[in-house]
Amino acid sequence: MTFSYAARILAYLILLVGAWQVVIGLVIAHELLLPYEEALRRYTPGAPSSGSVIDKGIYKLVAAVGLGAVAEIGLHVKKMRGEQ
């Protein structure tokens, strides 16, 4: 069940990175730090737009929820078997 614990940790990390990308994308889109083009180049090098940054962040959030659900199911099965 080491993989279940590792998957849980990985899910949390992916969740944090995805949430951070969504926040950065929204901050860039609303021009809260710098003008749009300058902020896009500075904070997300290589990204074509703030929308793509937000999209990638949302994909990561969905993947993290899926991975976290699988990890929780694995840990629950372990608990039900009495393998603590």
PDB file of N, CA and C in Angstrom:
ATOM      1  N   MET A   1       0.805  -1.196   0.000  1.00  0.00           N
ATOM      2  CA  MET A   1       0.000   0.000   0.000  1.00  0.00           C
ATOM      3  C   MET A   1       0.850   1.263   0.000  1.00  0.00           C
ATOM      4  N   THR A   2       2.118   1.093  -0.191  1.00  0.00           N
ATOM      5  CA  THR A   2       2.983   2.255  -0.264  1.00  0.00           C
ATOM      6  C   THR A   2       2.588   3.135  -1.448  1.00  0.00           C
ATOM      7  N   PHE A   3       2.099   2.486  -2.511  1.00  0.00           N
ATOM      8  CA  PHE A   3       1.707   3.258  -3.688  1.00  0.00           C
ATOM      9  C   PHE A   3       0.490   4.134  -3.397  1.00  0.00           C
ATOM     10  N   SER A   4      -0.384   3.676  -2.536  1.00  0.00           N
ATOM     11  CA  SER A   4      -1.552   4.485  -2.179  1.00  0.00           C
ATOM     12  C   SER A   4      -1.128   5.752  -1.450  1.00  0.00           C
ATOM     13  N   TYR A   5      -0.174   5.614  -0.546  1.00  0.00           N
ATOM     14  CA  TYR A   5       0.321   6.796   0.169  1.00  0.00           C
ATOM     15  C   TYR A   5       1.086   7.727  -0.778  1.00  0.00           C
ATOM     16  N   ALA A   6       1.873   7.146  -1.664  1.00  0.00           N
ATOM     17  CA  ALA A   6       2.614   7.958  -2.633  1.00  0.00           C
ATOM     18  C   ALA A   6       1.649   8.670  -3.579  1.00  0.00           C
ATOM     19  N   ALA A   7       0.594   7.972  -3.996  1.00  0.00           N
ATOM     20  CA  ALA A   7      -0.399   8.583  -4.880  1.00  0.00           C
ATOM     21  C   ALA A   7      -1.124   9.718  -4.182  1.00  0.00           C
ATOM     22  N   ARG A   8      -1.380   9.551  -2.908  1.00  0.00           N
ATOM     23  CA  ARG A   8      -2.049  10.607  -2.138  1.00  0.00           C
ATOM     24  C   ARG A   8      -1.172  11.853  -2.062  1.00  0.00           C
ATOM     25  N   ILE A   9       0.105  11.679  -1.782  1.00  0.00           N
ATOM     26  CA  ILE A   9       1.040  12.806  -1.718  1.00  0.00           C
ATOM     27  C   ILE A   9       1.166  13.470  -3.083  1.00  0.00           C
ATOM     28  N   LEU A  10       1.289  12.654  -4.123  1.00  0.00           N
ATOM     29  CA  LEU A  10       1.398  13.191  -5.475  1.00  0.00           C
ATOM     30  C   LEU A  10       0.142  13.958  -5.866  1.00  0.00           C
ATOM     31  N   ALA A  11      -1.012  13.460  -5.467  1.00  0.00           N
ATOM     32  CA  ALA A  11      -2.270  14.154  -5.765  1.00  0.00           C
ATOM     33  C   ALA A  11      -2.298  15.530  -5.112  1.00  0.00           C
ATOM     34  N   TYR A  12      -1.844  15.612  -3.867  1.00  0.00           N
ATOM     35  CA  TYR A  12      -1.796  16.913  -3.204  1.00  0.00           C
ATOM     36  C   TYR A  12      -0.841  17.868  -3.913  1.00  0.00           C
ATOM     37  N   LEU A  13       0.310  17.364  -4.338  1.00  0.00           N
ATOM     38  CA  LEU A  13       1.272  18.223  -5.032  1.00  0.00           C
ATOM     39  C   LEU A  13       0.726  18.709  -6.368  1.00  0.00           C
ATOM     40  N   ILE A  14       0.103  17.807  -7.122  1.00  0.00           N
ATOM     41  CA  ILE A  14      -0.486  18.197  -8.401  1.00  0.00           C
ATOM     42  C   ILE A  14      -1.617  19.198  -8.177  1.00  0.00           C
ATOM     43  N   LEU A  15      -2.386  19.002  -7.121  1.00  0.00           N
ATOM     44  CA  LEU A  15      -3.469  19.926  -6.784  1.00  0.00           C
ATOM     45  C   LEU A  15      -2.924  21.329  -6.520  1.00  0.00           C
ATOM     46  N   LEU A  16      -1.844  21.410  -5.772  1.00  0.00           N
ATOM     47  CA  LEU A  16      -1.251  22.720  -5.478  1.00  0.00           C
ATOM     48  C   LEU A  16      -0.712  23.390  -6.735  1.00  0.00           C
ATOM     49  N   VAL A  17      -0.022  22.627  -7.580  1.00  0.00           N
ATOM     50  CA  VAL A  17       0.531  23.196  -8.809  1.00  0.00           C
ATOM     51  C   VAL A  17      -0.586  23.646  -9.742  1.00  0.00           C
ATOM     52  N   GLY A  18      -1.628  22.835  -9.869  1.00  0.00           N
ATOM     53  CA  GLY A  18      -2.753  23.196 -10.727  1.00  0.00           C
ATOM     54  C   GLY A  18      -3.467  24.441 -10.236  1.00  0.00           C
ATOM     55  N   ALA A  19      -3.690  24.518  -8.932  1.00  0.00           N
ATOM     56  CA  ALA A  19      -4.344  25.703  -8.367  1.00  0.00           C
ATOM     57  C   ALA A  19      -3.478  26.944  -8.580  1.00  0.00           C
ATOM     58  N   TRP A  20      -2.185  26.784  -8.419  1.00  0.00           N
ATOM     59  CA  TRP A  20      -1.271  27.910  -8.626  1.00  0.00           C
ATOM     60  C   TRP A  20      -1.324  28.383 -10.075  1.00  0.00           C
ATOM     61  N   GLN A  21      -1.382  27.437 -11.028  1.00  0.00           N
ATOM     62  CA  GLN A  21      -1.458  27.824 -12.435  1.00  0.00           C
ATOM     63  C   GLN A  21      -2.755  28.572 -12.738  1.00  0.00           C
ATOM     64  N   VAL A  22      -3.842  28.124 -12.174  1.00  0.00           N
ATOM     65  CA  VAL A  22      -5.114  28.814 -12.394  1.00  0.00           C
ATOM     66  C   VAL A  22      -5.048  30.237 -11.836  1.00  0.00           C
ATOM     67  N   VAL A  23      -4.504  30.380 -10.648  1.00  0.00           N
ATOM     68  CA  VAL A  23      -4.394  31.708 -10.035  1.00  0.00           C
ATOM     69  C   VAL A  23      -3.488  32.611 -10.862  1.00  0.00           C
ATOM     70  N   ILE A  24      -2.338  32.101 -11.280  1.00  0.00           N
ATOM     71  CA  ILE A  24      -1.415  32.908 -12.097  1.00  0.00           C
ATOM     72  C   ILE A  24      -2.085  33.304 -13.416  1.00  0.00           C
ATOM     73  N   GLY A  25      -2.786  32.367 -14.039  1.00  0.00           N
ATOM     74  CA  GLY A  25      -3.482  32.676 -15.294  1.00  0.00           C
ATOM     75  C   GLY A  25      -4.519  33.765 -15.113  1.00  0.00           C
ATOM     76  N   LEU A  26      -5.273  33.704 -14.022  1.00  0.00           N
ATOM     77  CA  LEU A  26      -6.280  34.735 -13.763  1.00  0.00           C
ATOM     78  C   LEU A  26      -5.647  36.090 -13.440  1.00  0.00           C
ATOM     79  N   VAL A  27      -4.552  36.074 -12.694  1.00  0.00           N
ATOM     80  CA  VAL A  27      -3.853  37.323 -12.364  1.00  0.00           C
ATOM     81  C   VAL A  27      -3.306  37.971 -13.632  1.00  0.00           C
ATOM     82  N   ILE A  28      -2.764  37.163 -14.524  1.00  0.00           N
ATOM     83  CA  ILE A  28      -2.242  37.699 -15.784  1.00  0.00           C
ATOM     84  C   ILE A  28      -3.387  38.239 -16.641  1.00  0.00           C
ATOM     85  N   ALA A  29      -4.490  37.494 -16.701  1.00  0.00           N
ATOM     86  CA  ALA A  29      -5.621  37.905 -17.538  1.00  0.00           C
ATOM     87  C   ALA A  29      -6.228  39.224 -17.067  1.00  0.00           C
ATOM     88  N   HIS A  30      -6.237  39.450 -15.765  1.00  0.00           N
ATOM     89  CA  HIS A  30      -6.808  40.686 -15.228  1.00  0.00           C
ATOM     90  C   HIS A  30      -5.776  41.806 -15.095  1.00  0.00           C
ATOM     91  N   GLU A  31      -4.544  41.538 -15.520  1.00  0.00           N
ATOM     92  CA  GLU A  31      -3.453  42.516 -15.513  1.00  0.00           C
ATOM     93  C   GLU A  31      -3.248  43.139 -14.141  1.00  0.00           C
ATOM     94  N   LEU A  32      -3.221  42.305 -13.120  1.00  0.00           N
ATOM     95  CA  LEU A  32      -3.054  42.817 -11.758  1.00  0.00           C
ATOM     96  C   LEU A  32      -1.599  43.145 -11.426  1.00  0.00           C
ATOM     97  N   LEU A  33      -0.653  42.462 -12.050  1.00  0.00           N
ATOM     98  CA  LEU A  33       0.757  42.709 -11.736  1.00  0.00           C
ATOM     99  C   LEU A  33       1.432  43.609 -12.762  1.00  0.00           C
ATOM    100  N   LEU A  34       1.323  43.227 -14.015  1.00  0.00           N
ATOM    101  CA  LEU A  34       1.984  43.936 -15.112  1.00  0.00           C
ATOM    102  C   LEU A  34       1.029  43.974 -16.298  1.00  0.00           C
ATOM    103  N   PRO A  35       1.362  44.726 -17.333  1.00  0.00           N
ATOM    104  CA  PRO A  35       0.578  44.632 -18.564  1.00  0.00           C
ATOM    105  C   PRO A  35       0.577  43.186 -19.098  1.00  0.00           C
ATOM    106  N   TYR A  36      -0.475  42.826 -19.818  1.00  0.00           N
ATOM    107  CA  TYR A  36      -0.730  41.440 -20.213  1.00  0.00           C
ATOM    108  C   TYR A  36       0.474  40.754 -20.861  1.00  0.00           C
ATOM    109  N   GLU A  37       0.985  41.307 -21.940  1.00  0.00           N
ATOM    110  CA  GLU A  37       2.076  40.653 -22.680  1.00  0.00           C
ATOM    111  C   GLU A  37       3.334  40.503 -21.830  1.00  0.00           C
ATOM    112  N   GLU A  38       3.662  41.520 -21.078  1.00  0.00           N
ATOM    113  CA  GLU A  38       4.860  41.477 -20.236  1.00  0.00           C
ATOM    114  C   GLU A  38       4.721  40.435 -19.119  1.00  0.00           C
ATOM    115  N   ALA A  39       3.555  40.388 -18.489  1.00  0.00           N
ATOM    116  CA  ALA A  39       3.317  39.413 -17.430  1.00  0.00           C
ATOM    117  C   ALA A  39       3.316  37.992 -17.981  1.00  0.00           C
ATOM    118  N   LEU A  40       2.749  37.819 -19.160  1.00  0.00           N
ATOM    119  CA  LEU A  40       2.723  36.495 -19.781  1.00  0.00           C
ATOM    120  C   LEU A  40       4.129  36.004 -20.075  1.00  0.00           C
ATOM    121  N   ARG A  41       4.967  36.869 -20.608  1.00  0.00           N
ATOM    122  CA  ARG A  41       6.363  36.490 -20.885  1.00  0.00           C
ATOM    123  C   ARG A  41       7.141  36.226 -19.605  1.00  0.00           C
ATOM    124  N   ARG A  42       6.882  37.017 -18.578  1.00  0.00           N
ATOM    125  CA  ARG A  42       7.671  36.909 -17.352  1.00  0.00           C
ATOM    126  C   ARG A  42       7.279  35.719 -16.481  1.00  0.00           C
ATOM    127  N   TYR A  43       5.991  35.495 -16.295  1.00  0.00           N
ATOM    128  CA  TYR A  43       5.540  34.488 -15.348  1.00  0.00           C
ATOM    129  C   TYR A  43       5.221  33.133 -15.975  1.00  0.00           C
ATOM    130  N   THR A  44       4.945  33.112 -17.270  1.00  0.00           N
ATOM    131  CA  THR A  44       4.665  31.847 -17.949  1.00  0.00           C
ATOM    132  C   THR A  44       5.392  31.816 -19.291  1.00  0.00           C
ATOM    133  N   PRO A  45       6.700  31.644 -19.264  1.00  0.00           N
ATOM    134  CA  PRO A  45       7.445  31.665 -20.524  1.00  0.00           C
ATOM    135  C   PRO A  45       7.009  30.526 -21.446  1.00  0.00           C
ATOM    136  N   GLY A  46       6.761  30.876 -22.694  1.00  0.00           N
ATOM    137  CA  GLY A  46       6.380  29.869 -23.679  1.00  0.00           C
ATOM    138  C   GLY A  46       4.884  29.641 -23.797  1.00  0.00           C
ATOM    139  N   ALA A  47       4.093  30.198 -22.914  1.00  0.00           N
ATOM    140  CA  ALA A  47       2.641  30.020 -22.985  1.00  0.00           C
ATOM    141  C   ALA A  47       2.067  30.997 -24.013  1.00  0.00           C
ATOM    142  N   PRO A  48       1.181  30.518 -24.889  1.00  0.00           N
ATOM    143  CA  PRO A  48       0.630  31.416 -25.900  1.00  0.00           C
ATOM    144  C   PRO A  48      -0.368  32.437 -25.345  1.00  0.00           C
ATOM    145  N   SER A  49      -1.072  32.076 -24.251  1.00  0.00           N
ATOM    146  CA  SER A  49      -2.043  33.003 -23.677  1.00  0.00           C
ATOM    147  C   SER A  49      -2.320  32.622 -22.228  1.00  0.00           C
ATOM    148  N   SER A  50      -2.967  33.521 -21.518  1.00  0.00           N
ATOM    149  CA  SER A  50      -3.319  33.218 -20.133  1.00  0.00           C
ATOM    150  C   SER A  50      -4.396  32.137 -20.076  1.00  0.00           C
ATOM    151  N   GLY A  51      -5.225  32.061 -21.107  1.00  0.00           N
ATOM    152  CA  GLY A  51      -6.254  31.024 -21.168  1.00  0.00           C
ATOM    153  C   GLY A  51      -5.658  29.629 -21.216  1.00  0.00           C
ATOM    154  N   SER A  52      -4.564  29.463 -21.929  1.00  0.00           N
ATOM    155  CA  SER A  52      -3.921  28.142 -21.987  1.00  0.00           C
ATOM    156  C   SER A  52      -3.306  27.776 -20.635  1.00  0.00           C
ATOM    157  N   VAL A  53      -2.824  28.765 -19.909  1.00  0.00           N
ATOM    158  CA  VAL A  53      -2.283  28.518 -18.568  1.00  0.00           C
ATOM    159  C   VAL A  53      -3.406  28.065 -17.636  1.00  0.00           C
ATOM    160  N   ILE A  54      -4.541  28.732 -17.724  1.00  0.00           N
ATOM    161  CA  ILE A  54      -5.693  28.360 -16.905  1.00  0.00           C
ATOM    162  C   ILE A  54      -6.179  26.962 -17.281  1.00  0.00           C
ATOM    163  N   ASP A  55      -6.241  26.662 -18.579  1.00  0.00           N
ATOM    164  CA  ASP A  55      -6.676  25.333 -19.030  1.00  0.00           C
ATOM    165  C   ASP A  55      -5.770  24.229 -18.491  1.00  0.00           C
ATOM    166  N   LYS A  56      -4.467  24.429 -18.584  1.00  0.00           N
ATOM    167  CA  LYS A  56      -3.535  23.424 -18.076  1.00  0.00           C
ATOM    168  C   LYS A  56      -3.672  23.252 -16.569  1.00  0.00           C
ATOM    169  N   GLY A  57      -3.929  24.340 -15.868  1.00  0.00           N
ATOM    170  CA  GLY A  57      -4.142  24.257 -14.427  1.00  0.00           C
ATOM    171  C   GLY A  57      -5.395  23.466 -14.085  1.00  0.00           C
ATOM    172  N   ILE A  58      -6.455  23.685 -14.857  1.00  0.00           N
ATOM    173  CA  ILE A  58      -7.699  22.945 -14.622  1.00  0.00           C
ATOM    174  C   ILE A  58      -7.510  21.468 -14.922  1.00  0.00           C
ATOM    175  N   TYR A  59      -6.773  21.145 -15.983  1.00  0.00           N
ATOM    176  CA  TYR A  59      -6.480  19.740 -16.284  1.00  0.00           C
ATOM    177  C   TYR A  59      -5.731  19.086 -15.128  1.00  0.00           C
ATOM    178  N   LYS A  60      -4.791  19.815 -14.554  1.00  0.00           N
ATOM    179  CA  LYS A  60      -4.046  19.277 -13.414  1.00  0.00           C
ATOM    180  C   LYS A  60      -4.956  19.081 -12.203  1.00  0.00           C
ATOM    181  N   LEU A  61      -5.875  20.005 -11.993  1.00  0.00           N
ATOM    182  CA  LEU A  61      -6.818  19.864 -10.876  1.00  0.00           C
ATOM    183  C   LEU A  61      -7.679  18.615 -11.047  1.00  0.00           C
ATOM    184  N   VAL A  62      -8.169  18.397 -12.256  1.00  0.00           N
ATOM    185  CA  VAL A  62      -8.992  17.212 -12.517  1.00  0.00           C
ATOM    186  C   VAL A  62      -8.176  15.936 -12.325  1.00  0.00           C
ATOM    187  N   ALA A  63      -6.945  15.923 -12.819  1.00  0.00           N
ATOM    188  CA  ALA A  63      -6.083  14.749 -12.649  1.00  0.00           C
ATOM    189  C   ALA A  63      -5.787  14.495 -11.175  1.00  0.00           C
ATOM    190  N   ALA A  64      -5.573  15.570 -10.417  1.00  0.00           N
ATOM    191  CA  ALA A  64      -5.289  15.416  -8.985  1.00  0.00           C
ATOM    192  C   ALA A  64      -6.487  14.843  -8.247  1.00  0.00           C
ATOM    193  N   VAL A  65      -7.689  15.286  -8.600  1.00  0.00           N
ATOM    194  CA  VAL A  65      -8.889  14.753  -7.952  1.00  0.00           C
ATOM    195  C   VAL A  65      -9.048  13.271  -8.290  1.00  0.00           C
ATOM    196  N   GLY A  66      -8.817  12.912  -9.543  1.00  0.00           N
ATOM    197  CA  GLY A  66      -8.902  11.505  -9.938  1.00  0.00           C
ATOM    198  C   GLY A  66      -7.882  10.640  -9.224  1.00  0.00           C
ATOM    199  N   LEU A  67      -6.642  11.092  -9.199  1.00  0.00           N
ATOM    200  CA  LEU A  67      -5.590  10.337  -8.519  1.00  0.00           C
ATOM    201  C   LEU A  67      -5.850  10.254  -7.027  1.00  0.00           C
ATOM    202  N   GLY A  68      -6.319  11.330  -6.443  1.00  0.00           N
ATOM    203  CA  GLY A  68      -6.644  11.320  -5.018  1.00  0.00           C
ATOM    204  C   GLY A  68      -7.779  10.364  -4.703  1.00  0.00           C
ATOM    205  N   ALA A  69      -8.773  10.309  -5.587  1.00  0.00           N
ATOM    206  CA  ALA A  69      -9.892   9.384  -5.373  1.00  0.00           C
ATOM    207  C   ALA A  69      -9.415   7.941  -5.435  1.00  0.00           C
ATOM    208  N   VAL A  70      -8.575   7.633  -6.390  1.00  0.00           N
ATOM    209  CA  VAL A  70      -8.040   6.268  -6.503  1.00  0.00           C
ATOM    210  C   VAL A  70      -7.204   5.925  -5.272  1.00  0.00           C
ATOM    211  N   ALA A  71      -6.403   6.860  -4.802  1.00  0.00           N
ATOM    212  CA  ALA A  71      -5.590   6.616  -3.606  1.00  0.00           C
ATOM    213  C   ALA A  71      -6.471   6.383  -2.385  1.00  0.00           C
ATOM    214  N   GLU A  72      -7.512   7.181  -2.244  1.00  0.00           N
ATOM    215  CA  GLU A  72      -8.414   7.011  -1.102  1.00  0.00           C
ATOM    216  C   GLU A  72      -9.153   5.680  -1.167  1.00  0.00           C
ATOM    217  N   ILE A  73      -9.539   5.266  -2.370  1.00  0.00           N
ATOM    218  CA  ILE A  73     -10.188   3.958  -2.515  1.00  0.00           C
ATOM    219  C   ILE A  73      -9.229   2.849  -2.095  1.00  0.00           C
ATOM    220  N   GLY A  74      -7.981   2.949  -2.528  1.00  0.00           N
ATOM    221  CA  GLY A  74      -6.977   1.949  -2.142  1.00  0.00           C
ATOM    222  C   GLY A  74      -6.762   1.902  -0.643  1.00  0.00           C
ATOM    223  N   LEU A  75      -6.708   3.049  -0.011  1.00  0.00           N
ATOM    224  CA  LEU A  75      -6.516   3.083   1.442  1.00  0.00           C
ATOM    225  C   LEU A  75      -7.752   2.570   2.177  1.00  0.00           C
ATOM    226  N   HIS A  76      -8.920   2.835   1.633  1.00  0.00           N
ATOM    227  CA  HIS A  76     -10.160   2.346   2.262  1.00  0.00           C
ATOM    228  C   HIS A  76     -10.249   0.817   2.146  1.00  0.00           C
ATOM    229  N   VAL A  77      -9.864   0.278   1.000  1.00  0.00           N
ATOM    230  CA  VAL A  77      -9.857  -1.178   0.827  1.00  0.00           C
ATOM    231  C   VAL A  77      -8.886  -1.821   1.805  1.00  0.00           C
ATOM    232  N   LYS A  78      -7.738  -1.202   1.974  1.00  0.00           N
ATOM    233  CA  LYS A  78      -6.748  -1.714   2.926  1.00  0.00           C
ATOM    234  C   LYS A  78      -7.337  -1.724   4.343  1.00  0.00           C
ATOM    235  N   LYS A  79      -8.035  -0.662   4.696  1.00  0.00           N
ATOM    236  CA  LYS A  79      -8.632  -0.563   6.030  1.00  0.00           C
ATOM    237  C   LYS A  79      -9.729  -1.617   6.201  1.00  0.00           C
ATOM    238  N   MET A  80     -10.515  -1.830   5.169  1.00  0.00           N
ATOM    239  CA  MET A  80     -11.597  -2.813   5.249  1.00  0.00           C
ATOM    240  C   MET A  80     -11.071  -4.245   5.390  1.00  0.00           C
ATOM    241  N   ARG A  81      -9.914  -4.513   4.799  1.00  0.00           N
ATOM    242  CA  ARG A  81      -9.297  -5.836   4.911  1.00  0.00           C
ATOM    243  C   ARG A  81      -8.627  -6.032   6.272  1.00  0.00           C
ATOM    244  N   GLY A  82      -8.406  -4.960   6.967  1.00  0.00           N
ATOM    245  CA  GLY A  82      -7.742  -5.046   8.267  1.00  0.00           C
ATOM    246  C   GLY A  82      -6.238  -5.179   8.162  1.00  0.00           C
ATOM    247  N   GLU A  83      -5.658  -4.593   7.126  1.00  0.00           N
ATOM    248  CA  GLU A  83      -4.211  -4.693   6.884  1.00  0.00           C
ATOM    249  C   GLU A  83      -3.464  -3.477   7.404  1.00  0.00           C
ATOM    250  N   GLN A  84      -3.932  -2.859   8.416  1.00  0.00           N
ATOM    251  CA  GLN A  84      -3.292  -1.633   8.904  1.00  0.00           C
ATOM    252  C   GLN A  84      -1.947  -1.974   9.416  1.00  0.00           C
TER     253      GLN A  84
END
